[in-house]
C-alpha cells in the first residue's frame, strides 16, 4: 500500500498600497497588492505550507525566512516550485491540491482558471488535480472589511 500524507496550509496578508496583487501567480487587477517580504501571494504560500506540513518539513518561514534579502519580492510560484523539488528529492510526489481564497474584493472568478494552471505547473501535476475556489466573507471581520486576503490549501502527497 502506498504511503500517503495530507497537509493543510493557511496564509493571510493585509492589503498594501503600491503593490501588485498576485494570487496563484496571477496578477489581479486591483488598486492594492498584499504586504509581504516576497510578492505576498497568499495562495501560493498556503499551498507551499501544506506541502511542507504533509512531508513533515516545517513551514514556509523556516525555508524562506522573511528577513532574508534573497527572498525580497520573490515570486512565490518560484518558491513553491522549490518546495516541490525538495519533496521530490525526498521521494514524495503531489497527488492533488484543493484551495480556497477568502477575499471580500476583488472578484476572483475570472482569474481562477489561470491560477489553477499556474499551481498545477508548479506542482508538476495535471490541472484536474488542482482546484481553486474563491469565497467572500460576507463583510464579516477584517477580511470582510477588505483589509486583506486569506488562503487555505489541502494537499495529498504520496511516497514514490
Protein backbone atom coordinates (compact mmCIF):
# COMPACT_ATOMS: atom_id res chain seq x y z
CA UNK A 1 0.00 0.00 0.00
CA UNK A 2 1.28 3.48 -0.88
CA UNK A 3 2.34 5.85 1.86
CA UNK A 4 0.02 8.86 1.73
CA UNK A 5 0.10 12.06 3.76
CA UNK A 6 -2.11 15.14 3.90
CA UNK A 7 -1.17 18.70 4.71
CA UNK A 8 -3.04 21.89 5.48
CA UNK A 9 -1.76 25.36 4.70
CA UNK A 10 -3.08 28.78 5.63
CA UNK A 11 -1.81 32.23 4.84
CA UNK A 12 -3.12 35.74 5.41
CA UNK A 13 -1.76 39.05 4.16
CA UNK A 14 -3.09 42.56 4.62
CA UNK A 15 -3.54 44.81 1.62
CA UNK A 16 -0.78 47.32 0.97
CA UNK A 17 -0.67 50.36 -1.28
CA UNK A 18 1.77 50.47 -4.17
CA UNK A 19 1.96 46.69 -4.53
CA UNK A 20 0.66 44.49 -7.32
CA UNK A 21 -1.94 41.92 -6.26
CA UNK A 22 -0.65 38.44 -7.09
CA UNK A 23 -2.58 35.25 -6.27
CA UNK A 24 -1.64 31.86 -7.61
CA UNK A 25 0.97 33.59 -9.74
CA UNK A 26 -1.68 35.68 -11.48
CA UNK A 27 -1.63 39.46 -11.46
CA UNK A 28 -5.13 40.50 -10.43
CA UNK A 29 -6.50 43.91 -11.43
CA UNK A 30 -6.92 45.72 -8.11
CA UNK A 31 -5.51 49.01 -6.80
CA UNK A 32 -3.68 47.37 -3.87
CA UNK A 33 -1.47 44.33 -3.53
CA UNK A 34 -0.61 42.24 -0.50
CA UNK A 35 2.04 43.16 2.04
CA UNK A 36 4.82 40.65 2.42
CA UNK A 37 8.54 40.08 2.09
CA UNK A 38 8.03 38.22 -1.17
CA UNK A 39 5.31 39.13 -3.67
CA UNK A 40 2.73 38.39 -0.95
CA UNK A 41 0.99 35.62 -2.94
CA UNK A 42 -1.08 34.16 -0.10
CA UNK A 43 -2.44 31.34 -2.29
CA UNK A 44 0.98 30.03 -3.33
CA UNK A 45 2.18 30.38 0.27
CA UNK A 46 -0.72 28.32 1.61
CA UNK A 47 -0.02 25.54 -0.92
CA UNK A 48 3.69 25.50 -0.09
CA UNK A 49 2.95 25.36 3.65
CA UNK A 50 0.52 22.49 3.10
CA UNK A 51 3.20 20.54 1.20
CA UNK A 52 5.85 21.18 3.83
CA UNK A 53 3.44 20.10 6.55
CA UNK A 54 2.48 16.91 4.74
CA UNK A 55 6.13 15.95 4.35
CA UNK A 56 6.98 16.92 7.94
CA UNK A 57 9.42 19.57 6.75
CA UNK A 58 8.46 22.57 8.85
CA UNK A 59 6.91 25.69 7.38
CA UNK A 60 7.46 28.35 4.76
CA UNK A 61 9.07 30.79 7.21
CA UNK A 62 11.77 28.24 8.03
CA UNK A 63 12.54 27.60 4.36
CA UNK A 64 12.33 31.20 3.18
CA UNK A 65 12.87 33.47 6.22
CA UNK A 66 11.15 36.85 5.86
CA UNK A 67 14.31 38.65 6.98
CA UNK A 68 16.45 37.05 4.26
CA UNK A 69 17.19 39.55 1.48
CA UNK A 70 17.35 36.72 -1.09
CA UNK A 71 13.56 36.40 -0.90
CA UNK A 72 12.70 40.10 -1.03
CA UNK A 73 9.97 40.49 -3.69
CA UNK A 74 10.50 36.85 -4.74
CA UNK A 75 7.92 35.25 -6.99
CA UNK A 76 6.00 32.87 -4.75
CA UNK A 77 5.40 30.36 -7.56
CA UNK A 78 9.19 30.02 -7.77
CA UNK A 79 9.32 29.36 -4.02
CA UNK A 80 6.51 26.82 -4.41
CA UNK A 81 8.47 25.07 -7.17
CA UNK A 82 11.49 24.90 -4.85
CA UNK A 83 9.33 23.23 -2.19
CA UNK A 84 8.05 20.71 -4.74
CA UNK A 85 11.63 19.96 -5.80
CA UNK A 86 12.64 19.41 -2.16
CA UNK A 87 9.76 16.98 -1.69
CA UNK A 88 10.72 15.06 -4.85
CA UNK A 89 14.29 14.79 -3.60
CA UNK A 90 12.86 13.10 -0.51
CA UNK A 91 10.73 10.70 -2.54
CA UNK A 92 7.35 12.48 -2.45
CA UNK A 93 5.04 13.44 -5.28
CA UNK A 94 1.91 15.57 -5.23
CA UNK A 95 -1.35 13.68 -5.74
CA UNK A 96 -3.77 16.60 -5.54
CA UNK A 97 -4.35 20.06 -4.11
CA UNK A 98 -7.55 21.85 -3.13
CA UNK A 99 -7.56 25.55 -2.24
CA UNK A 100 -9.84 28.39 -1.28
CA UNK A 101 -9.12 32.12 -1.33
CA UNK A 102 -11.14 34.29 1.06
CA UNK A 103 -11.47 37.92 -0.05
CA UNK A 104 -14.27 40.45 0.02
CA UNK A 105 -12.74 42.18 -3.01
CA UNK A 106 -11.76 41.83 -5.77
CA UNK A 107 -13.91 39.26 -7.51
CA UNK A 108 -11.60 36.35 -8.31
CA UNK A 109 -13.75 34.11 -10.53
CA UNK A 110 -12.25 35.50 -13.77
CA UNK A 111 -8.75 34.53 -12.58
CA UNK A 112 -9.34 31.05 -11.16
CA UNK A 113 -8.53 29.04 -14.31
CA UNK A 114 -5.17 30.75 -14.71
CA UNK A 115 -4.40 30.31 -11.01
CA UNK A 116 -5.23 26.63 -11.32
CA UNK A 117 -2.98 26.24 -14.37
CA UNK A 118 -0.09 28.03 -12.63
CA UNK A 119 -0.38 25.95 -9.48
CA UNK A 120 -0.63 22.71 -11.46
CA UNK A 121 2.52 23.61 -13.40
CA UNK A 122 4.42 24.44 -10.18
CA UNK A 123 3.21 21.22 -8.54
CA UNK A 124 4.04 19.11 -11.58
CA UNK A 125 0.54 17.67 -11.89
CA UNK A 126 -2.34 17.79 -14.37
CA UNK A 127 -4.79 20.65 -13.85
CA UNK A 128 -7.53 18.17 -12.94
CA UNK A 129 -5.57 17.50 -9.73
CA UNK A 130 -5.74 21.14 -8.61
CA UNK A 131 -8.79 23.10 -7.54
CA UNK A 132 -9.04 26.81 -6.79
CA UNK A 133 -12.15 28.19 -5.13
CA UNK A 134 -12.89 31.74 -4.03
CA UNK A 135 -15.36 32.99 -1.48
CA UNK A 136 -16.29 36.30 0.11
CA UNK A 137 -16.51 36.58 3.91
CA UNK A 138 -19.86 38.40 3.64
CA UNK A 139 -18.45 41.59 5.16
CA UNK A 140 -17.57 39.85 8.45
CA UNK A 141 -14.32 40.62 10.26
CA UNK A 142 -11.09 42.06 8.85
CA UNK A 143 -11.41 40.13 5.60
CA UNK A 144 -14.99 41.31 5.23
CA UNK A 145 -13.81 44.89 5.65
CA UNK A 146 -11.45 44.26 2.71
CA UNK A 147 -8.33 44.61 4.85
CA UNK A 148 -6.60 41.65 3.22
CA UNK A 149 -6.78 38.18 1.71
CA UNK A 150 -6.55 34.72 3.26
CA UNK A 151 -5.93 31.42 1.53
CA UNK A 152 -6.27 27.82 2.66
CA UNK A 153 -4.91 24.72 0.97
CA UNK A 154 -5.05 20.99 1.49
CA UNK A 155 -2.73 18.61 -0.30
CA UNK A 156 -2.25 14.89 -0.62
CA UNK A 157 1.25 13.58 -1.27
CA UNK A 158 2.41 10.05 -1.98
CA UNK A 159 5.74 8.34 -1.46
CA UNK A 160 7.10 7.37 -4.87
